[in-house]
């Protein structure tokens, strides 16, 4: 969190975009698997692959002694983690599957863009992240680009399926904002636990619906896709939340459908006028966000917390003995008042409107 604000933008924006790229690959690559795997079972295998893969990464990291720099999950994090798993890993996918089964594919694709709107609205209205006209216009342009991309000549059907999909998007919006509460803790542990629990529950629901477990090669392909497109993507998303907050991270993540379409084009799908229009809108939104500069005099209240950090403008405390950078431990921030460009990161979570 340096004085020029670049330490929030430079890691935060690339992390959010990398997360969107990996997640955007899910749709075109999952399309081939859906021909042979039940949708609920596929969701379970994707999450389970993410959980198992990241659990393996964590064990290797511990064996190499490289996990000490991240703050571990603590007992007070457990309720937030349970809420994240329930809304994002269980209820959201279940409502989406039920909704897609009761409405048209075109309507479902259009309505799924509401996730980013739900994320941003909850971040601004409930968690009081700062917002200005430039950020709002940028987010609107990105969402409109996603709507154009998913438009198939008909609006969203107002039926029970649509209501279920809206509910799924609301669940994921809640999930994204609650995950921010955990963003100071080890993102690999967060994503691994979420993947293992959500994967087991979704596969259990699939068996309850009499869905068949696919062959080992198909299951392995789905799990491998889940490791990168959901597991690694979620780790990057959590890291981006540390620097940008939920509203901005959610806006960058809204580029995922566009990235998915580009991958589909690379795999042989035709380039369309819709893709060009979406690219212009999303490019405008991305430019508005990348050129944002939020600066005002603000007060940091005294706080005691734990997270991965280096000794910068916001971390001036004493250590007994030698330390390595970065590192993690409980530390206290003394009250301070200063002014510099910043984002709603771990140390700038004041209400908007200042």
Protein backbone atom coordinates (compact mmCIF):
# COMPACT_ATOMS: atom_id res chain seq x y z
CA UNK A 1 0.00 0.00 0.00
CA UNK A 2 2.49 2.61 -1.12
CA UNK A 3 1.87 6.32 -1.18
CA UNK A 4 1.33 6.48 -4.96
CA UNK A 5 -1.45 3.89 -4.86
CA UNK A 6 0.26 1.67 -7.41
CA UNK A 7 0.71 -1.21 -4.97
CA UNK A 8 -3.07 -1.71 -4.97
CA UNK A 9 -3.64 -1.38 -8.72
CA UNK A 10 -0.59 -3.20 -10.08
CA UNK A 11 -1.12 -6.53 -8.31
CA UNK A 12 -4.90 -6.12 -7.94
CA UNK A 13 -5.93 -5.54 -11.56
CA UNK A 14 -3.73 -8.27 -13.13
CA UNK A 15 -4.91 -10.73 -10.45
CA UNK A 16 -8.59 -9.95 -11.15
CA UNK A 17 -8.08 -10.19 -14.93
CA UNK A 18 -6.14 -13.46 -14.62
CA UNK A 19 -8.98 -14.83 -12.49
CA UNK A 20 -11.49 -13.80 -15.17
CA UNK A 21 -9.38 -15.39 -17.93
CA UNK A 22 -9.24 -18.75 -16.14
CA UNK A 23 -12.94 -18.69 -15.24
CA UNK A 24 -13.88 -17.49 -18.73
CA UNK A 25 -12.30 -20.67 -20.12
CA UNK A 26 -14.80 -22.75 -18.13
CA UNK A 27 -17.81 -22.24 -20.43
CA UNK A 28 -16.30 -23.24 -23.82
CA UNK A 29 -14.30 -26.10 -22.31
CA UNK A 30 -17.21 -27.37 -20.20
CA UNK A 31 -19.49 -27.36 -23.25
CA UNK A 32 -17.74 -30.43 -24.65
CA UNK A 33 -17.96 -32.24 -21.29
CA UNK A 34 -21.70 -31.51 -20.91
CA UNK A 35 -22.38 -33.80 -23.86
CA UNK A 36 -21.35 -36.74 -21.66
CA UNK A 37 -21.74 -35.53 -18.03
CA UNK A 38 -24.85 -34.50 -16.09
CA UNK A 39 -24.70 -30.72 -15.30
CA UNK A 40 -24.98 -31.23 -11.53
CA UNK A 41 -22.34 -33.94 -11.58
CA UNK A 42 -20.09 -31.72 -13.71
CA UNK A 43 -20.42 -28.87 -11.21
CA UNK A 44 -19.44 -31.28 -8.43
CA UNK A 45 -16.43 -32.62 -10.33
CA UNK A 46 -15.24 -29.10 -11.18
CA UNK A 47 -15.39 -28.00 -7.52
CA UNK A 48 -13.92 -31.28 -6.26
CA UNK A 49 -11.05 -31.00 -8.74
CA UNK A 50 -10.41 -27.48 -7.46
CA UNK A 51 -10.46 -28.62 -3.84
CA UNK A 52 -8.26 -31.69 -4.29
CA UNK A 53 -5.76 -29.85 -6.49
CA UNK A 54 -5.38 -26.93 -4.10
CA UNK A 55 -5.15 -29.28 -1.10
CA UNK A 56 -2.24 -30.93 -2.89
CA UNK A 57 -0.64 -27.54 -3.55
CA UNK A 58 -1.00 -26.67 0.13
CA UNK A 59 0.66 -29.93 1.25
CA UNK A 60 3.58 -29.41 -1.16
CA UNK A 61 3.90 -25.79 0.02
CA UNK A 62 3.99 -26.89 3.67
CA UNK A 63 6.59 -29.55 2.91
CA UNK A 64 8.76 -26.86 1.32
CA UNK A 65 8.15 -24.48 4.24
CA UNK A 66 6.57 -21.80 2.04
CA UNK A 67 3.21 -21.31 3.77
CA UNK A 68 4.38 -19.23 6.74
CA UNK A 69 3.97 -15.87 4.96
CA UNK A 70 0.17 -16.29 4.71
CA UNK A 71 -2.20 -15.77 7.64
CA UNK A 72 -3.96 -19.03 8.58
CA UNK A 73 -7.71 -19.38 8.94
CA UNK A 74 -8.75 -18.68 12.52
CA UNK A 75 -11.81 -19.74 14.50
CA UNK A 76 -13.53 -16.39 13.92
CA UNK A 77 -13.20 -16.98 10.14
CA UNK A 78 -15.21 -20.23 10.21
CA UNK A 79 -18.73 -18.66 10.15
CA UNK A 80 -17.75 -16.51 7.16
CA UNK A 81 -16.24 -19.52 5.37
CA UNK A 82 -19.38 -21.59 6.01
CA UNK A 83 -21.53 -18.77 4.60
CA UNK A 84 -19.28 -18.50 1.52
CA UNK A 85 -19.51 -22.26 0.88
CA UNK A 86 -23.29 -22.27 1.39
CA UNK A 87 -24.10 -19.30 -0.86
CA UNK A 88 -21.37 -19.66 -3.48
CA UNK A 89 -20.66 -23.37 -3.65
CA UNK A 90 -24.00 -25.02 -2.84
CA UNK A 91 -27.08 -22.77 -3.10
CA UNK A 92 -25.86 -20.73 -6.11
CA UNK A 93 -25.04 -23.70 -8.38
CA UNK A 94 -28.21 -25.54 -7.29
CA UNK A 95 -30.45 -22.55 -8.12
CA UNK A 96 -28.66 -22.10 -11.45
CA UNK A 97 -29.15 -25.75 -12.45
CA UNK A 98 -32.82 -25.65 -11.43
CA UNK A 99 -33.29 -22.35 -13.27
CA UNK A 100 -31.61 -23.45 -16.50
CA UNK A 101 -33.83 -26.52 -16.48
CA UNK A 102 -36.95 -24.30 -16.43
CA UNK A 103 -36.09 -21.49 -18.86
CA UNK A 104 -34.45 -21.05 -22.26
CA UNK A 105 -30.68 -21.13 -22.68
CA UNK A 106 -30.78 -17.61 -24.19
CA UNK A 107 -32.68 -16.24 -21.20
CA UNK A 108 -30.33 -18.01 -18.79
CA UNK A 109 -27.19 -16.61 -20.46
CA UNK A 110 -28.62 -13.09 -20.33
CA UNK A 111 -29.67 -13.33 -16.69
CA UNK A 112 -26.32 -14.72 -15.48
CA UNK A 113 -24.84 -11.25 -16.09
CA UNK A 114 -26.72 -10.15 -12.98
CA UNK A 115 -24.00 -11.72 -10.80
CA UNK A 116 -21.63 -8.80 -11.38
CA UNK A 117 -24.42 -6.29 -10.75
CA UNK A 118 -25.34 -8.09 -7.53
CA UNK A 119 -21.68 -8.11 -6.41
CA UNK A 120 -21.22 -4.40 -7.08
CA UNK A 121 -24.57 -3.35 -5.61
CA UNK A 122 -24.00 -5.27 -2.37
CA UNK A 123 -20.44 -3.90 -2.13
CA UNK A 124 -21.62 -0.30 -2.55
CA UNK A 125 -24.87 -0.35 -0.58
CA UNK A 126 -24.21 -2.92 2.17
CA UNK A 127 -20.45 -2.83 2.69
CA UNK A 128 -20.16 0.86 1.76
CA UNK A 129 -17.22 0.66 -0.65
CA UNK A 130 -16.39 4.01 -2.22
CA UNK A 131 -17.78 4.67 -5.70
CA UNK A 132 -17.75 7.62 -8.08
CA UNK A 133 -19.32 8.38 -11.47
CA UNK A 134 -16.31 7.12 -13.43
CA UNK A 135 -16.31 3.74 -11.69
CA UNK A 136 -20.08 3.41 -12.09
CA UNK A 137 -19.96 4.19 -15.83
CA UNK A 138 -17.09 1.74 -16.29
CA UNK A 139 -18.97 -1.04 -14.51
CA UNK A 140 -22.11 -0.27 -16.54
CA UNK A 141 -20.15 -0.45 -19.83
CA UNK A 142 -18.62 -3.82 -18.87
CA UNK A 143 -22.01 -5.27 -17.87
CA UNK A 144 -23.67 -3.93 -21.05
CA UNK A 145 -20.89 -5.56 -23.05
CA UNK A 146 -21.67 -8.88 -21.38
CA UNK A 147 -25.40 -8.40 -22.07
CA UNK A 148 -24.72 -7.69 -25.77
CA UNK A 149 -22.52 -10.78 -25.93
CA UNK A 150 -25.23 -13.04 -24.50
CA UNK A 151 -28.13 -11.46 -26.43
CA UNK A 152 -29.83 -13.90 -28.79
CA UNK A 153 -32.62 -11.74 -30.17
CA UNK A 154 -35.00 -12.25 -27.28
CA UNK A 155 -35.29 -10.86 -23.78
CA UNK A 156 -35.17 -12.70 -20.49
CA UNK A 157 -38.27 -14.80 -19.96
CA UNK A 158 -40.20 -13.84 -16.83
CA UNK A 159 -40.81 -17.34 -15.50
CA UNK A 160 -39.88 -19.46 -12.48
CA UNK A 161 -36.62 -20.44 -14.18
CA UNK A 162 -35.64 -16.77 -14.50
CA UNK A 163 -36.43 -16.17 -10.83
CA UNK A 164 -34.22 -19.10 -9.83
CA UNK A 165 -31.31 -17.79 -11.92
CA UNK A 166 -31.72 -14.32 -10.41
CA UNK A 167 -31.54 -16.05 -7.01
CA UNK A 168 -28.33 -17.81 -8.05
CA UNK A 169 -26.76 -14.50 -9.10
CA UNK A 170 -27.76 -12.94 -5.78
CA UNK A 171 -26.12 -15.88 -3.96
CA UNK A 172 -22.88 -15.38 -5.89
CA UNK A 173 -22.99 -11.65 -5.22
CA UNK A 174 -23.26 -12.40 -1.49
CA UNK A 175 -20.49 -15.00 -1.84
CA UNK A 176 -18.11 -12.53 -3.51
CA UNK A 177 -18.67 -9.90 -0.82
CA UNK A 178 -18.40 -12.33 2.10
CA UNK A 179 -15.20 -13.76 0.60
CA UNK A 180 -13.71 -10.30 1.05
CA UNK A 181 -14.11 -10.82 4.81
CA UNK A 182 -11.70 -13.75 4.46
CA UNK A 183 -9.29 -12.16 1.97
CA UNK A 184 -6.58 -11.52 4.57
CA UNK A 185 -6.31 -15.28 5.24
CA UNK A 186 -4.52 -17.88 3.11
CA UNK A 187 -6.41 -17.96 -0.24
CA UNK A 188 -5.29 -21.51 -1.07
CA UNK A 189 -6.85 -22.86 2.14
CA UNK A 190 -10.07 -20.88 1.53
CA UNK A 191 -10.42 -22.13 -2.05
CA UNK A 192 -9.45 -25.71 -1.15
CA UNK A 193 -12.05 -26.01 1.64
CA UNK A 194 -14.74 -24.40 -0.53
CA UNK A 195 -13.94 -26.74 -3.42
CA UNK A 196 -13.91 -29.92 -1.32
CA UNK A 197 -17.19 -29.18 0.48
CA UNK A 198 -19.04 -27.76 -2.53
CA UNK A 199 -17.77 -30.58 -4.74
CA UNK A 200 -18.88 -33.31 -2.34
CA UNK A 201 -22.32 -31.72 -1.87
CA UNK A 202 -22.94 -31.22 -5.59
CA UNK A 203 -21.87 -34.78 -6.43
CA UNK A 204 -24.12 -36.02 -3.60
CA UNK A 205 -27.05 -34.08 -5.09
CA UNK A 206 -26.17 -35.53 -8.48
CA UNK A 207 -26.38 -39.10 -7.10
CA UNK A 208 -29.66 -38.20 -5.35
CA UNK A 209 -30.99 -37.14 -8.78
CA UNK A 210 -29.85 -40.53 -10.16
CA UNK A 211 -27.12 -38.97 -12.29
CA UNK A 212 -24.34 -41.35 -13.29
CA UNK A 213 -20.68 -40.79 -12.42
CA UNK A 214 -18.82 -40.49 -15.76
CA UNK A 215 -15.88 -42.61 -16.83
CA UNK A 216 -12.50 -42.07 -15.19
CA UNK A 217 -11.00 -40.15 -18.18
CA UNK A 218 -14.02 -37.81 -18.30
CA UNK A 219 -14.02 -37.34 -14.52
CA UNK A 220 -10.29 -36.61 -14.59
CA UNK A 221 -10.73 -34.06 -17.40
CA UNK A 222 -13.49 -32.29 -15.45
CA UNK A 223 -11.42 -32.29 -12.25
CA UNK A 224 -8.37 -30.89 -14.07
CA UNK A 225 -10.49 -28.15 -15.63
CA UNK A 226 -11.95 -27.37 -12.21
CA UNK A 227 -8.49 -27.06 -10.65
CA UNK A 228 -7.52 -24.23 -13.01
CA UNK A 229 -10.86 -22.63 -13.98
CA UNK A 230 -12.37 -22.65 -10.48
CA UNK A 231 -9.58 -23.39 -7.98
CA UNK A 232 -6.70 -21.26 -9.26
CA UNK A 233 -9.21 -18.65 -10.47
CA UNK A 234 -10.70 -18.38 -6.97
CA UNK A 235 -7.25 -18.03 -5.37
CA UNK A 236 -6.49 -15.14 -7.74
CA UNK A 237 -9.93 -13.61 -7.05
CA UNK A 238 -9.33 -13.66 -3.27
CA UNK A 239 -5.92 -12.06 -3.74
CA UNK A 240 -7.47 -9.35 -5.94
CA UNK A 241 -10.07 -8.65 -3.22
CA UNK A 242 -7.21 -7.72 -0.87
CA UNK A 243 -6.18 -4.87 -3.11
CA UNK A 244 -9.32 -3.71 -4.93
CA UNK A 245 -12.38 -4.60 -2.83
CA UNK A 246 -15.43 -6.55 -4.04
CA UNK A 247 -16.98 -3.94 -6.38
CA UNK A 248 -13.88 -3.35 -8.52
CA UNK A 249 -12.80 -7.01 -8.50
CA UNK A 250 -16.35 -7.99 -9.51
CA UNK A 251 -16.29 -5.50 -12.37
CA UNK A 252 -13.03 -6.87 -13.79
CA UNK A 253 -14.32 -10.41 -13.30
CA UNK A 254 -17.34 -9.49 -15.48
CA UNK A 255 -14.98 -9.76 -18.46
CA UNK A 256 -15.06 -13.57 -18.09
CA UNK A 257 -17.90 -14.14 -20.65
CA UNK A 258 -16.01 -12.07 -23.24
CA UNK A 259 -12.82 -14.03 -22.58
CA UNK A 260 -14.79 -17.26 -22.91
CA UNK A 261 -16.12 -16.10 -26.28
CA UNK A 262 -12.61 -15.25 -27.48
CA UNK A 263 -11.48 -18.76 -26.51
CA UNK A 264 -14.48 -20.19 -28.41
CA UNK A 265 -13.44 -18.12 -31.48
CA UNK A 266 -9.90 -19.50 -31.18
CA UNK A 267 -11.43 -22.99 -31.13
CA UNK A 268 -13.30 -22.32 -34.39
CA UNK A 269 -16.42 -20.27 -33.55
CA UNK A 270 -17.09 -17.39 -36.02
CA UNK A 271 -16.34 -13.74 -35.20
CA UNK A 272 -19.64 -11.84 -34.97
CA UNK A 273 -20.87 -8.25 -34.84
CA UNK A 274 -21.97 -8.91 -31.24
CA UNK A 275 -18.40 -9.76 -30.30
CA UNK A 276 -17.15 -6.49 -31.80
CA UNK A 277 -19.79 -4.41 -30.00
CA UNK A 278 -19.11 -6.19 -26.71
CA UNK A 279 -15.37 -5.61 -27.16
CA UNK A 280 -15.92 -1.86 -27.60
CA UNK A 281 -18.16 -1.59 -24.52
CA UNK A 282 -15.92 -3.72 -22.33
CA UNK A 283 -12.82 -1.92 -23.59
CA UNK A 284 -14.40 1.41 -22.61
CA UNK A 285 -15.30 0.08 -19.17
CA UNK A 286 -11.83 -1.36 -18.66
CA UNK A 287 -10.22 1.97 -19.64
CA UNK A 288 -12.46 3.92 -17.23
CA UNK A 289 -11.47 1.59 -14.39
CA UNK A 290 -7.76 1.49 -15.20
CA UNK A 291 -7.57 5.30 -15.28
CA UNK A 292 -9.51 5.75 -12.02
CA UNK A 293 -7.74 7.77 -9.33
CA UNK A 294 -9.37 7.75 -5.89
CA UNK A 295 -7.63 10.12 -3.47
CA UNK A 296 -8.71 12.03 -0.37
CA UNK A 297 -7.57 12.66 3.17
CA UNK A 298 -8.64 9.73 5.32
CA UNK A 299 -8.22 8.46 8.86
CA UNK A 300 -7.00 4.98 9.81
CA UNK A 301 -8.44 3.97 13.16
CA UNK A 302 -6.36 1.80 15.48
CA UNK A 303 -6.77 -1.84 14.47
CA UNK A 304 -5.30 -5.22 15.45
CA UNK A 305 -5.34 -7.84 12.68
CA UNK A 306 -3.34 -10.53 10.88
CA UNK A 307 -2.40 -10.76 7.22
CA UNK A 308 0.50 -11.14 4.78
CA UNK A 309 2.43 -7.87 4.57
CA UNK A 310 5.74 -6.08 4.16
CA UNK A 311 6.90 -3.09 6.19
CA UNK A 312 5.44 -0.21 4.17
CA UNK A 313 3.57 3.02 4.88
CA UNK A 314 0.89 1.15 6.84
CA UNK A 315 3.16 -1.33 8.63
CA UNK A 316 5.62 0.30 10.99
CA UNK A 317 6.03 -2.07 13.94
CA UNK A 318 8.82 -3.75 15.87
CA UNK A 319 9.97 -7.38 15.54
CA UNK A 320 12.01 -9.49 17.90
CA UNK A 321 14.78 -11.13 15.91
CA UNK A 322 15.23 -11.46 12.14
CA UNK A 323 12.25 -11.56 9.75
CA UNK A 324 11.68 -12.37 6.10
CA UNK A 325 9.60 -10.28 3.70
CA UNK A 326 6.72 -10.81 3.18
CA UNK A 327 5.50 -12.31 6.45
CA UNK A 328 2.31 -12.75 8.47
CA UNK A 329 1.51 -12.16 12.14
CA UNK A 330 -0.89 -10.29 14.40
CA UNK A 331 0.05 -6.61 14.40
CA UNK A 332 -1.42 -3.31 15.52
CA UNK A 333 -1.92 -0.22 13.37
CA UNK A 334 -1.68 3.08 15.23
CA UNK A 335 -4.23 5.76 14.28
CA UNK A 336 -3.07 7.95 11.39
CA UNK A 337 -4.45 10.58 9.00
CA UNK A 338 -2.98 10.98 5.53
CA UNK A 339 -3.79 11.42 1.85
CA UNK A 340 -2.76 9.29 -1.13
CA UNK A 341 -4.37 7.41 -4.05
CA UNK A 342 -5.93 4.18 -2.77
CA UNK A 343 -8.59 1.51 -3.27
CA UNK A 344 -10.83 -0.43 -0.85
CA UNK A 345 -8.00 -2.75 0.17
CA UNK A 346 -7.26 -4.29 3.56
CA UNK A 347 -6.32 -0.90 5.02
CA UNK A 348 -8.85 1.34 3.25
CA UNK A 349 -12.31 0.09 4.11
CA UNK A 350 -13.94 3.37 5.01
CA UNK A 351 -17.38 4.32 3.77
CA UNK A 352 -17.82 6.04 0.41
CA UNK A 353 -18.96 9.59 0.04
CA UNK A 354 -15.81 11.20 1.53
